mmCIF file of all heavy atoms, coordinates in Angstrom:
data_MODEL
# 
_entry.id   MODEL 
# 
loop_
_atom_site.group_PDB 
_atom_site.id 
_atom_site.type_symbol 
_atom_site.label_atom_id 
_atom_site.label_alt_id 
_atom_site.label_comp_id 
_atom_site.label_asym_id 
_atom_site.label_entity_id 
_atom_site.label_seq_id 
_atom_site.pdbx_PDB_ins_code 
_atom_site.Cartn_x 
_atom_site.Cartn_y 
_atom_site.Cartn_z 
_atom_site.occupancy 
_atom_site.B_iso_or_equiv 
_atom_site.pdbx_formal_charge 
_atom_site.auth_seq_id 
_atom_site.auth_comp_id 
_atom_site.auth_asym_id 
_atom_site.auth_atom_id 
_atom_site.pdbx_PDB_model_num 
ATOM 1   N N   . GLY A 1 1  ? 13.357 14.978 -4.668  1.00 0.00 ? 1  GLY A N   1 
ATOM 2   C CA  . GLY A 1 1  ? 13.130 14.566 -6.044  1.00 0.00 ? 1  GLY A CA  1 
ATOM 3   C C   . GLY A 1 1  ? 11.770 14.909 -6.678  1.00 0.00 ? 1  GLY A C   1 
ATOM 4   O O   . GLY A 1 1  ? 11.557 14.684 -7.849  1.00 0.00 ? 1  GLY A O   1 
ATOM 5   N N   . GLU A 1 2  ? 10.881 15.608 -5.903  1.00 0.00 ? 2  GLU A N   1 
ATOM 6   C CA  . GLU A 1 2  ? 9.564  15.940 -6.498  1.00 0.00 ? 2  GLU A CA  1 
ATOM 7   C C   . GLU A 1 2  ? 9.636  16.917 -7.706  1.00 0.00 ? 2  GLU A C   1 
ATOM 8   O O   . GLU A 1 2  ? 8.736  16.858 -8.492  1.00 0.00 ? 2  GLU A O   1 
ATOM 9   C CB  . GLU A 1 2  ? 8.654  16.486 -5.385  1.00 0.00 ? 2  GLU A CB  1 
ATOM 10  C CG  . GLU A 1 2  ? 9.113  17.843 -4.777  1.00 0.00 ? 2  GLU A CG  1 
ATOM 11  C CD  . GLU A 1 2  ? 9.929  17.743 -3.593  1.00 0.00 ? 2  GLU A CD  1 
ATOM 12  O OE1 . GLU A 1 2  ? 10.704 16.708 -3.360  1.00 0.00 ? 2  GLU A OE1 1 
ATOM 13  O OE2 . GLU A 1 2  ? 10.006 18.740 -2.812  1.00 0.00 ? 2  GLU A OE2 1 
ATOM 14  N N   . SER A 1 3  ? 10.715 17.644 -7.766  1.00 0.00 ? 3  SER A N   1 
ATOM 15  C CA  . SER A 1 3  ? 10.779 18.514 -8.941  1.00 0.00 ? 3  SER A CA  1 
ATOM 16  C C   . SER A 1 3  ? 11.020 17.860 -10.318 1.00 0.00 ? 3  SER A C   1 
ATOM 17  O O   . SER A 1 3  ? 10.901 18.390 -11.349 1.00 0.00 ? 3  SER A O   1 
ATOM 18  C CB  . SER A 1 3  ? 11.919 19.568 -8.728  1.00 0.00 ? 3  SER A CB  1 
ATOM 19  O OG  . SER A 1 3  ? 13.193 18.952 -8.607  1.00 0.00 ? 3  SER A OG  1 
ATOM 20  N N   . ARG A 1 4  ? 11.382 16.560 -10.203 1.00 0.00 ? 4  ARG A N   1 
ATOM 21  C CA  . ARG A 1 4  ? 11.646 15.782 -11.407 1.00 0.00 ? 4  ARG A CA  1 
ATOM 22  C C   . ARG A 1 4  ? 10.290 15.299 -12.028 1.00 0.00 ? 4  ARG A C   1 
ATOM 23  O O   . ARG A 1 4  ? 10.275 14.621 -13.037 1.00 0.00 ? 4  ARG A O   1 
ATOM 24  C CB  . ARG A 1 4  ? 12.497 14.564 -11.141 1.00 0.00 ? 4  ARG A CB  1 
ATOM 25  C CG  . ARG A 1 4  ? 13.898 14.929 -10.692 1.00 0.00 ? 4  ARG A CG  1 
ATOM 26  C CD  . ARG A 1 4  ? 14.745 13.731 -10.454 1.00 0.00 ? 4  ARG A CD  1 
ATOM 27  N NE  . ARG A 1 4  ? 15.803 13.956 -9.722  1.00 0.00 ? 4  ARG A NE  1 
ATOM 28  C CZ  . ARG A 1 4  ? 16.132 13.418 -8.452  1.00 0.00 ? 4  ARG A CZ  1 
ATOM 29  N NH1 . ARG A 1 4  ? 15.384 12.487 -8.022  1.00 0.00 ? 4  ARG A NH1 1 
ATOM 30  N NH2 . ARG A 1 4  ? 17.239 13.734 -7.894  1.00 0.00 ? 4  ARG A NH2 1 
ATOM 31  N N   . PHE A 1 5  ? 9.144  15.593 -11.426 1.00 0.00 ? 5  PHE A N   1 
ATOM 32  C CA  . PHE A 1 5  ? 7.868  15.022 -11.823 1.00 0.00 ? 5  PHE A CA  1 
ATOM 33  C C   . PHE A 1 5  ? 6.818  16.104 -12.061 1.00 0.00 ? 5  PHE A C   1 
ATOM 34  O O   . PHE A 1 5  ? 6.877  17.090 -11.360 1.00 0.00 ? 5  PHE A O   1 
ATOM 35  C CB  . PHE A 1 5  ? 7.382  13.996 -10.798 1.00 0.00 ? 5  PHE A CB  1 
ATOM 36  C CG  . PHE A 1 5  ? 8.287  12.783 -10.627 1.00 0.00 ? 5  PHE A CG  1 
ATOM 37  C CD1 . PHE A 1 5  ? 9.289  12.885 -9.751  1.00 0.00 ? 5  PHE A CD1 1 
ATOM 38  C CD2 . PHE A 1 5  ? 8.199  11.690 -11.487 1.00 0.00 ? 5  PHE A CD2 1 
ATOM 39  C CE1 . PHE A 1 5  ? 10.182 11.798 -9.577  1.00 0.00 ? 5  PHE A CE1 1 
ATOM 40  C CE2 . PHE A 1 5  ? 9.049  10.668 -11.427 1.00 0.00 ? 5  PHE A CE2 1 
ATOM 41  C CZ  . PHE A 1 5  ? 9.972  10.646 -10.410 1.00 0.00 ? 5  PHE A CZ  1 
ATOM 42  N N   . ASP A 1 6  ? 5.983  15.855 -13.087 1.00 0.00 ? 6  ASP A N   1 
ATOM 43  C CA  . ASP A 1 6  ? 4.866  16.817 -13.300 1.00 0.00 ? 6  ASP A CA  1 
ATOM 44  C C   . ASP A 1 6  ? 3.935  16.788 -12.182 1.00 0.00 ? 6  ASP A C   1 
ATOM 45  O O   . ASP A 1 6  ? 3.380  17.878 -11.822 1.00 0.00 ? 6  ASP A O   1 
ATOM 46  C CB  . ASP A 1 6  ? 4.263  16.481 -14.598 1.00 0.00 ? 6  ASP A CB  1 
ATOM 47  C CG  . ASP A 1 6  ? 5.151  16.630 -15.814 1.00 0.00 ? 6  ASP A CG  1 
ATOM 48  O OD1 . ASP A 1 6  ? 6.010  17.503 -15.729 1.00 0.00 ? 6  ASP A OD1 1 
ATOM 49  O OD2 . ASP A 1 6  ? 5.024  15.848 -16.728 1.00 0.00 ? 6  ASP A OD2 1 
ATOM 50  N N   . LYS A 1 7  ? 3.564  15.686 -11.656 1.00 0.00 ? 7  LYS A N   1 
ATOM 51  C CA  . LYS A 1 7  ? 2.546  15.528 -10.628 1.00 0.00 ? 7  LYS A CA  1 
ATOM 52  C C   . LYS A 1 7  ? 3.025  14.471 -9.614  1.00 0.00 ? 7  LYS A C   1 
ATOM 53  O O   . LYS A 1 7  ? 3.729  13.514 -10.023 1.00 0.00 ? 7  LYS A O   1 
ATOM 54  C CB  . LYS A 1 7  ? 1.230  15.103 -11.146 1.00 0.00 ? 7  LYS A CB  1 
ATOM 55  C CG  . LYS A 1 7  ? 0.573  16.101 -12.041 1.00 0.00 ? 7  LYS A CG  1 
ATOM 56  C CD  . LYS A 1 7  ? 0.171  17.263 -11.400 1.00 0.00 ? 7  LYS A CD  1 
ATOM 57  C CE  . LYS A 1 7  ? -0.514 18.277 -12.395 1.00 0.00 ? 7  LYS A CE  1 
ATOM 58  N NZ  . LYS A 1 7  ? -0.728 19.626 -11.842 1.00 0.00 ? 7  LYS A NZ  1 
ATOM 59  N N   . VAL A 1 8  ? 2.682  14.487 -8.446  1.00 0.00 ? 8  VAL A N   1 
ATOM 60  C CA  . VAL A 1 8  ? 3.018  13.564 -7.371  1.00 0.00 ? 8  VAL A CA  1 
ATOM 61  C C   . VAL A 1 8  ? 1.657  13.071 -6.768  1.00 0.00 ? 8  VAL A C   1 
ATOM 62  O O   . VAL A 1 8  ? 0.753  13.786 -6.384  1.00 0.00 ? 8  VAL A O   1 
ATOM 63  C CB  . VAL A 1 8  ? 3.800  14.190 -6.283  1.00 0.00 ? 8  VAL A CB  1 
ATOM 64  C CG1 . VAL A 1 8  ? 4.031  13.263 -5.053  1.00 0.00 ? 8  VAL A CG1 1 
ATOM 65  C CG2 . VAL A 1 8  ? 5.135  14.674 -6.811  1.00 0.00 ? 8  VAL A CG2 1 
ATOM 66  N N   . VAL A 1 9  ? 1.638  11.698 -6.726  1.00 0.00 ? 9  VAL A N   1 
ATOM 67  C CA  . VAL A 1 9  ? 0.571  10.946 -6.091  1.00 0.00 ? 9  VAL A CA  1 
ATOM 68  C C   . VAL A 1 9  ? 1.115  10.315 -4.830  1.00 0.00 ? 9  VAL A C   1 
ATOM 69  O O   . VAL A 1 9  ? 2.103  9.594  -4.806  1.00 0.00 ? 9  VAL A O   1 
ATOM 70  C CB  . VAL A 1 9  ? 0.052  9.910  -6.974  1.00 0.00 ? 9  VAL A CB  1 
ATOM 71  C CG1 . VAL A 1 9  ? -1.113 9.151  -6.316  1.00 0.00 ? 9  VAL A CG1 1 
ATOM 72  C CG2 . VAL A 1 9  ? -0.478 10.467 -8.278  1.00 0.00 ? 9  VAL A CG2 1 
ATOM 73  N N   . ALA A 1 10 ? 0.584  10.586 -3.669  1.00 0.00 ? 10 ALA A N   1 
ATOM 74  C CA  . ALA A 1 10 ? 1.011  10.066 -2.397  1.00 0.00 ? 10 ALA A CA  1 
ATOM 75  C C   . ALA A 1 10 ? -0.111 9.160  -1.883  1.00 0.00 ? 10 ALA A C   1 
ATOM 76  O O   . ALA A 1 10 ? -1.250 9.526  -1.766  1.00 0.00 ? 10 ALA A O   1 
ATOM 77  C CB  . ALA A 1 10 ? 1.310  11.066 -1.434  1.00 0.00 ? 10 ALA A CB  1 
ATOM 78  N N   . ILE A 1 11 ? 0.254  7.902  -1.526  1.00 0.00 ? 11 ILE A N   1 
ATOM 79  C CA  . ILE A 1 11 ? -0.652 6.928  -0.958  1.00 0.00 ? 11 ILE A CA  1 
ATOM 80  C C   . ILE A 1 11 ? -0.040 6.479  0.372   1.00 0.00 ? 11 ILE A C   1 
ATOM 81  O O   . ILE A 1 11 ? 1.116  6.080  0.419   1.00 0.00 ? 11 ILE A O   1 
ATOM 82  C CB  . ILE A 1 11 ? -0.969 5.731  -1.863  1.00 0.00 ? 11 ILE A CB  1 
ATOM 83  C CG1 . ILE A 1 11 ? -1.554 6.262  -3.207  1.00 0.00 ? 11 ILE A CG1 1 
ATOM 84  C CG2 . ILE A 1 11 ? -1.841 4.714  -1.219  1.00 0.00 ? 11 ILE A CG2 1 
ATOM 85  C CD1 . ILE A 1 11 ? -1.795 5.102  -4.181  1.00 0.00 ? 11 ILE A CD1 1 
ATOM 86  N N   . SER A 1 12 ? -0.801 6.654  1.394   1.00 0.00 ? 12 SER A N   1 
ATOM 87  C CA  . SER A 1 12 ? -0.349 6.356  2.717   1.00 0.00 ? 12 SER A CA  1 
ATOM 88  C C   . SER A 1 12 ? -1.169 5.364  3.450   1.00 0.00 ? 12 SER A C   1 
ATOM 89  O O   . SER A 1 12 ? -2.292 5.060  2.968   1.00 0.00 ? 12 SER A O   1 
ATOM 90  C CB  . SER A 1 12 ? -0.286 7.721  3.524   1.00 0.00 ? 12 SER A CB  1 
ATOM 91  O OG  . SER A 1 12 ? 0.199  7.490  4.855   1.00 0.00 ? 12 SER A OG  1 
ATOM 92  N N   . ALA A 1 13 ? -0.667 4.829  4.538   1.00 0.00 ? 13 ALA A N   1 
ATOM 93  C CA  . ALA A 1 13 ? -1.444 3.862  5.365   1.00 0.00 ? 13 ALA A CA  1 
ATOM 94  C C   . ALA A 1 13 ? -0.977 4.077  6.788   1.00 0.00 ? 13 ALA A C   1 
ATOM 95  O O   . ALA A 1 13 ? 0.212  4.667  7.057   1.00 0.00 ? 13 ALA A O   1 
ATOM 96  C CB  . ALA A 1 13 ? -1.274 2.479  4.885   1.00 0.00 ? 13 ALA A CB  1 
ATOM 97  N N   . ASP A 1 14 ? -1.743 3.684  7.782   1.00 0.00 ? 14 ASP A N   1 
ATOM 98  C CA  . ASP A 1 14 ? -1.341 3.784  9.185   1.00 0.00 ? 14 ASP A CA  1 
ATOM 99  C C   . ASP A 1 14 ? -0.053 2.973  9.331   1.00 0.00 ? 14 ASP A C   1 
ATOM 100 O O   . ASP A 1 14 ? 0.233  1.975  8.759   1.00 0.00 ? 14 ASP A O   1 
ATOM 101 C CB  . ASP A 1 14 ? -2.381 3.129  10.104  1.00 0.00 ? 14 ASP A CB  1 
ATOM 102 C CG  . ASP A 1 14 ? -3.615 4.090  10.172  1.00 0.00 ? 14 ASP A CG  1 
ATOM 103 O OD1 . ASP A 1 14 ? -3.510 5.255  9.914   1.00 0.00 ? 14 ASP A OD1 1 
ATOM 104 O OD2 . ASP A 1 14 ? -4.733 3.462  10.363  1.00 0.00 ? 14 ASP A OD2 1 
ATOM 105 N N   . PRO A 1 15 ? 0.839  3.412  10.241  1.00 0.00 ? 15 PRO A N   1 
ATOM 106 C CA  . PRO A 1 15 ? 2.112  2.788  10.454  1.00 0.00 ? 15 PRO A CA  1 
ATOM 107 C C   . PRO A 1 15 ? 2.026  1.302  10.809  1.00 0.00 ? 15 PRO A C   1 
ATOM 108 O O   . PRO A 1 15 ? 2.784  0.490  10.357  1.00 0.00 ? 15 PRO A O   1 
ATOM 109 C CB  . PRO A 1 15 ? 2.668  3.543  11.655  1.00 0.00 ? 15 PRO A CB  1 
ATOM 110 C CG  . PRO A 1 15 ? 2.051  4.835  11.632  1.00 0.00 ? 15 PRO A CG  1 
ATOM 111 C CD  . PRO A 1 15 ? 0.709  4.679  11.013  1.00 0.00 ? 15 PRO A CD  1 
ATOM 112 N N   . GLU A 1 16 ? 0.911  0.941  11.538  1.00 0.00 ? 16 GLU A N   1 
ATOM 113 C CA  . GLU A 1 16 ? 0.807  -0.487 11.856  1.00 0.00 ? 16 GLU A CA  1 
ATOM 114 C C   . GLU A 1 16 ? 0.533  -1.303 10.602  1.00 0.00 ? 16 GLU A C   1 
ATOM 115 O O   . GLU A 1 16 ? 0.978  -2.445 10.428  1.00 0.00 ? 16 GLU A O   1 
ATOM 116 C CB  . GLU A 1 16 ? -0.391 -0.633 12.847  1.00 0.00 ? 16 GLU A CB  1 
ATOM 117 C CG  . GLU A 1 16 ? -0.208 0.041  14.219  1.00 0.00 ? 16 GLU A CG  1 
ATOM 118 C CD  . GLU A 1 16 ? -0.429 1.521  14.182  1.00 0.00 ? 16 GLU A CD  1 
ATOM 119 O OE1 . GLU A 1 16 ? -1.283 2.027  13.314  1.00 0.00 ? 16 GLU A OE1 1 
ATOM 120 O OE2 . GLU A 1 16 ? 0.046  2.177  14.988  1.00 0.00 ? 16 GLU A OE2 1 
ATOM 121 N N   . VAL A 1 17 ? -0.307 -0.728 9.665   1.00 0.00 ? 17 VAL A N   1 
ATOM 122 C CA  . VAL A 1 17 ? -0.596 -1.449 8.460   1.00 0.00 ? 17 VAL A CA  1 
ATOM 123 C C   . VAL A 1 17 ? 0.613  -1.620 7.630   1.00 0.00 ? 17 VAL A C   1 
ATOM 124 O O   . VAL A 1 17 ? 0.836  -2.630 6.968   1.00 0.00 ? 17 VAL A O   1 
ATOM 125 C CB  . VAL A 1 17 ? -1.792 -0.716 7.696   1.00 0.00 ? 17 VAL A CB  1 
ATOM 126 C CG1 . VAL A 1 17 ? -1.990 -1.211 6.357   1.00 0.00 ? 17 VAL A CG1 1 
ATOM 127 C CG2 . VAL A 1 17 ? -3.038 -0.611 8.530   1.00 0.00 ? 17 VAL A CG2 1 
ATOM 128 N N   . ARG A 1 18 ? 1.413  -0.503 7.518   1.00 0.00 ? 18 ARG A N   1 
ATOM 129 C CA  . ARG A 1 18 ? 2.665  -0.612 6.681   1.00 0.00 ? 18 ARG A CA  1 
ATOM 130 C C   . ARG A 1 18 ? 3.598  -1.600 7.282   1.00 0.00 ? 18 ARG A C   1 
ATOM 131 O O   . ARG A 1 18 ? 4.188  -2.384 6.535   1.00 0.00 ? 18 ARG A O   1 
ATOM 132 C CB  . ARG A 1 18 ? 3.332  0.798  6.694   1.00 0.00 ? 18 ARG A CB  1 
ATOM 133 C CG  . ARG A 1 18 ? 2.625  1.765  5.768   1.00 0.00 ? 18 ARG A CG  1 
ATOM 134 C CD  . ARG A 1 18 ? 3.577  2.948  5.482   1.00 0.00 ? 18 ARG A CD  1 
ATOM 135 N NE  . ARG A 1 18 ? 4.203  3.556  6.646   1.00 0.00 ? 18 ARG A NE  1 
ATOM 136 C CZ  . ARG A 1 18 ? 3.757  4.666  7.273   1.00 0.00 ? 18 ARG A CZ  1 
ATOM 137 N NH1 . ARG A 1 18 ? 2.586  5.181  6.809   1.00 0.00 ? 18 ARG A NH1 1 
ATOM 138 N NH2 . ARG A 1 18 ? 4.364  5.161  8.229   1.00 0.00 ? 18 ARG A NH2 1 
ATOM 139 N N   . ALA A 1 19 ? 3.705  -1.694 8.634   1.00 0.00 ? 19 ALA A N   1 
ATOM 140 C CA  . ALA A 1 19 ? 4.626  -2.607 9.225   1.00 0.00 ? 19 ALA A CA  1 
ATOM 141 C C   . ALA A 1 19 ? 4.140  -4.073 9.027   1.00 0.00 ? 19 ALA A C   1 
ATOM 142 O O   . ALA A 1 19 ? 5.013  -4.923 8.636   1.00 0.00 ? 19 ALA A O   1 
ATOM 143 C CB  . ALA A 1 19 ? 4.673  -2.429 10.763  1.00 0.00 ? 19 ALA A CB  1 
ATOM 144 N N   . GLU A 1 20 ? 2.882  -4.281 8.972   1.00 0.00 ? 20 GLU A N   1 
ATOM 145 C CA  . GLU A 1 20 ? 2.339  -5.614 8.741   1.00 0.00 ? 20 GLU A CA  1 
ATOM 146 C C   . GLU A 1 20 ? 2.645  -6.021 7.270   1.00 0.00 ? 20 GLU A C   1 
ATOM 147 O O   . GLU A 1 20 ? 2.932  -7.131 7.043   1.00 0.00 ? 20 GLU A O   1 
ATOM 148 C CB  . GLU A 1 20 ? 0.872  -5.567 9.092   1.00 0.00 ? 20 GLU A CB  1 
ATOM 149 C CG  . GLU A 1 20 ? 0.162  -6.974 8.857   1.00 0.00 ? 20 GLU A CG  1 
ATOM 150 C CD  . GLU A 1 20 ? -1.310 -6.886 9.130   1.00 0.00 ? 20 GLU A CD  1 
ATOM 151 O OE1 . GLU A 1 20 ? -1.644 -6.383 10.258  1.00 0.00 ? 20 GLU A OE1 1 
ATOM 152 O OE2 . GLU A 1 20 ? -2.172 -7.318 8.303   1.00 0.00 ? 20 GLU A OE2 1 
ATOM 153 N N   . ARG A 1 21 ? 2.311  -5.135 6.347   1.00 0.00 ? 21 ARG A N   1 
ATOM 154 C CA  . ARG A 1 21 ? 2.608  -5.385 4.956   1.00 0.00 ? 21 ARG A CA  1 
ATOM 155 C C   . ARG A 1 21 ? 4.109  -5.561 4.624   1.00 0.00 ? 21 ARG A C   1 
ATOM 156 O O   . ARG A 1 21 ? 4.382  -6.319 3.735   1.00 0.00 ? 21 ARG A O   1 
ATOM 157 C CB  . ARG A 1 21 ? 2.040  -4.202 4.119   1.00 0.00 ? 21 ARG A CB  1 
ATOM 158 C CG  . ARG A 1 21 ? 0.568  -4.156 4.064   1.00 0.00 ? 21 ARG A CG  1 
ATOM 159 C CD  . ARG A 1 21 ? 0.071  -2.926 3.304   1.00 0.00 ? 21 ARG A CD  1 
ATOM 160 N NE  . ARG A 1 21 ? -1.339 -2.831 3.367   1.00 0.00 ? 21 ARG A NE  1 
ATOM 161 C CZ  . ARG A 1 21 ? -1.981 -1.729 3.030   1.00 0.00 ? 21 ARG A CZ  1 
ATOM 162 N NH1 . ARG A 1 21 ? -1.471 -0.647 2.679   1.00 0.00 ? 21 ARG A NH1 1 
ATOM 163 N NH2 . ARG A 1 21 ? -3.410 -1.679 3.085   1.00 0.00 ? 21 ARG A NH2 1 
ATOM 164 N N   . ARG A 1 22 ? 4.860  -4.812 5.232   1.00 0.00 ? 22 ARG A N   1 
ATOM 165 C CA  . ARG A 1 22 ? 6.285  -4.910 5.012   1.00 0.00 ? 22 ARG A CA  1 
ATOM 166 C C   . ARG A 1 22 ? 6.933  -6.260 5.390   1.00 0.00 ? 22 ARG A C   1 
ATOM 167 O O   . ARG A 1 22 ? 7.695  -6.786 4.698   1.00 0.00 ? 22 ARG A O   1 
ATOM 168 C CB  . ARG A 1 22 ? 7.004  -3.768 5.754   1.00 0.00 ? 22 ARG A CB  1 
ATOM 169 C CG  . ARG A 1 22 ? 8.518  -3.483 5.342   1.00 0.00 ? 22 ARG A CG  1 
ATOM 170 C CD  . ARG A 1 22 ? 9.053  -2.356 6.145   1.00 0.00 ? 22 ARG A CD  1 
ATOM 171 N NE  . ARG A 1 22 ? 8.362  -1.104 5.883   1.00 0.00 ? 22 ARG A NE  1 
ATOM 172 C CZ  . ARG A 1 22 ? 8.186  -0.127 6.821   1.00 0.00 ? 22 ARG A CZ  1 
ATOM 173 N NH1 . ARG A 1 22 ? 8.782  -0.217 7.966   1.00 0.00 ? 22 ARG A NH1 1 
ATOM 174 N NH2 . ARG A 1 22 ? 7.537  1.004  6.521   1.00 0.00 ? 22 ARG A NH2 1 
ATOM 175 N N   . GLY A 1 23 ? 6.463  -6.689 6.602   1.00 0.00 ? 23 GLY A N   1 
ATOM 176 C CA  . GLY A 1 23 ? 6.978  -7.984 6.985   1.00 0.00 ? 23 GLY A CA  1 
ATOM 177 C C   . GLY A 1 23 ? 8.454  -8.131 7.458   1.00 0.00 ? 23 GLY A C   1 
ATOM 178 O O   . GLY A 1 23 ? 8.910  -9.212 7.620   1.00 0.00 ? 23 GLY A O   1 
ATOM 179 N N   . VAL A 1 24 ? 9.089  -6.970 7.628   1.00 0.00 ? 24 VAL A N   1 
ATOM 180 C CA  . VAL A 1 24 ? 10.450 -7.025 8.135   1.00 0.00 ? 24 VAL A CA  1 
ATOM 181 C C   . VAL A 1 24 ? 10.597 -6.052 9.280   1.00 0.00 ? 24 VAL A C   1 
ATOM 182 O O   . VAL A 1 24 ? 9.846  -5.112 9.418   1.00 0.00 ? 24 VAL A O   1 
ATOM 183 C CB  . VAL A 1 24 ? 11.451 -6.690 7.073   1.00 0.00 ? 24 VAL A CB  1 
ATOM 184 C CG1 . VAL A 1 24 ? 11.498 -7.709 5.885   1.00 0.00 ? 24 VAL A CG1 1 
ATOM 185 C CG2 . VAL A 1 24 ? 11.273 -5.266 6.436   1.00 0.00 ? 24 VAL A CG2 1 
ATOM 186 N N   . ARG A 1 25 ? 11.714 -6.211 10.054  1.00 0.00 ? 25 ARG A N   1 
ATOM 187 C CA  . ARG A 1 25 ? 11.922 -5.222 11.113  1.00 0.00 ? 25 ARG A CA  1 
ATOM 188 C C   . ARG A 1 25 ? 12.153 -3.847 10.552  1.00 0.00 ? 25 ARG A C   1 
ATOM 189 O O   . ARG A 1 25 ? 12.793 -3.697 9.518   1.00 0.00 ? 25 ARG A O   1 
ATOM 190 C CB  . ARG A 1 25 ? 13.183 -5.594 11.870  1.00 0.00 ? 25 ARG A CB  1 
ATOM 191 C CG  . ARG A 1 25 ? 13.038 -6.836 12.748  1.00 0.00 ? 25 ARG A CG  1 
ATOM 192 C CD  . ARG A 1 25 ? 14.277 -7.064 13.598  1.00 0.00 ? 25 ARG A CD  1 
ATOM 193 N NE  . ARG A 1 25 ? 15.429 -6.514 12.958  1.00 0.00 ? 25 ARG A NE  1 
ATOM 194 C CZ  . ARG A 1 25 ? 16.632 -6.921 13.220  1.00 0.00 ? 25 ARG A CZ  1 
ATOM 195 N NH1 . ARG A 1 25 ? 16.856 -7.858 14.063  1.00 0.00 ? 25 ARG A NH1 1 
ATOM 196 N NH2 . ARG A 1 25 ? 17.680 -6.316 12.694  1.00 0.00 ? 25 ARG A NH2 1 
ATOM 197 N N   . VAL A 1 26 ? 11.754 -2.776 11.250  1.00 0.00 ? 26 VAL A N   1 
ATOM 198 C CA  . VAL A 1 26 ? 11.921 -1.484 10.805  1.00 0.00 ? 26 VAL A CA  1 
ATOM 199 C C   . VAL A 1 26 ? 13.158 -0.828 11.428  1.00 0.00 ? 26 VAL A C   1 
ATOM 200 O O   . VAL A 1 26 ? 13.860 -0.082 10.826  1.00 0.00 ? 26 VAL A O   1 
ATOM 201 C CB  . VAL A 1 26 ? 10.632 -0.620 11.112  1.00 0.00 ? 26 VAL A CB  1 
ATOM 202 C CG1 . VAL A 1 26 ? 10.809 0.856  10.669  1.00 0.00 ? 26 VAL A CG1 1 
ATOM 203 C CG2 . VAL A 1 26 ? 9.475  -1.154 10.304  1.00 0.00 ? 26 VAL A CG2 1 
ATOM 204 N N   . ASP A 1 27 ? 13.417 -1.155 12.712  1.00 0.00 ? 27 ASP A N   1 
ATOM 205 C CA  . ASP A 1 27 ? 14.576 -0.646 13.422  1.00 0.00 ? 27 ASP A CA  1 
ATOM 206 C C   . ASP A 1 27 ? 14.813 0.833  13.302  1.00 0.00 ? 27 ASP A C   1 
ATOM 207 O O   . ASP A 1 27 ? 15.874 1.368  13.087  1.00 0.00 ? 27 ASP A O   1 
ATOM 208 C CB  . ASP A 1 27 ? 15.876 -1.335 12.823  1.00 0.00 ? 27 ASP A CB  1 
ATOM 209 C CG  . ASP A 1 27 ? 15.867 -2.802 13.043  1.00 0.00 ? 27 ASP A CG  1 
ATOM 210 O OD1 . ASP A 1 27 ? 15.239 -3.308 13.982  1.00 0.00 ? 27 ASP A OD1 1 
ATOM 211 O OD2 . ASP A 1 27 ? 16.558 -3.508 12.219  1.00 0.00 ? 27 ASP A OD2 1 
ATOM 212 N N   . GLY A 1 28 ? 13.739 1.636  13.466  1.00 0.00 ? 28 GLY A N   1 
ATOM 213 C CA  . GLY A 1 28 ? 13.802 3.038  13.447  1.00 0.00 ? 28 GLY A CA  1 
ATOM 214 C C   . GLY A 1 28 ? 14.004 3.719  12.064  1.00 0.00 ? 28 GLY A C   1 
ATOM 215 O O   . GLY A 1 28 ? 14.318 4.838  11.979  1.00 0.00 ? 28 GLY A O   1 
ATOM 216 N N   . ARG A 1 29 ? 13.889 2.869  11.032  1.00 0.00 ? 29 ARG A N   1 
ATOM 217 C CA  . ARG A 1 29 ? 14.097 3.378  9.617   1.00 0.00 ? 29 ARG A CA  1 
ATOM 218 C C   . ARG A 1 29 ? 13.156 4.552  9.380   1.00 0.00 ? 29 ARG A C   1 
ATOM 219 O O   . ARG A 1 29 ? 13.493 5.539  8.654   1.00 0.00 ? 29 ARG A O   1 
ATOM 220 C CB  . ARG A 1 29 ? 13.950 2.334  8.609   1.00 0.00 ? 29 ARG A CB  1 
ATOM 221 C CG  . ARG A 1 29 ? 14.933 1.301  8.722   1.00 0.00 ? 29 ARG A CG  1 
ATOM 222 C CD  . ARG A 1 29 ? 14.708 0.195  7.696   1.00 0.00 ? 29 ARG A CD  1 
ATOM 223 N NE  . ARG A 1 29 ? 15.410 -1.057 8.095   1.00 0.00 ? 29 ARG A NE  1 
ATOM 224 C CZ  . ARG A 1 29 ? 15.468 -2.089 7.392   1.00 0.00 ? 29 ARG A CZ  1 
ATOM 225 N NH1 . ARG A 1 29 ? 14.702 -2.205 6.238   1.00 0.00 ? 29 ARG A NH1 1 
ATOM 226 N NH2 . ARG A 1 29 ? 16.074 -3.202 7.835   1.00 0.00 ? 29 ARG A NH2 1 
# 
């Protein structure tokens, strides 16, 4: 889908931080 946008901003975090923020099981997603 990136071609649908003029610019792309990506913000990332360590997997552990994302899992903590998500608060749900990931199950290999």
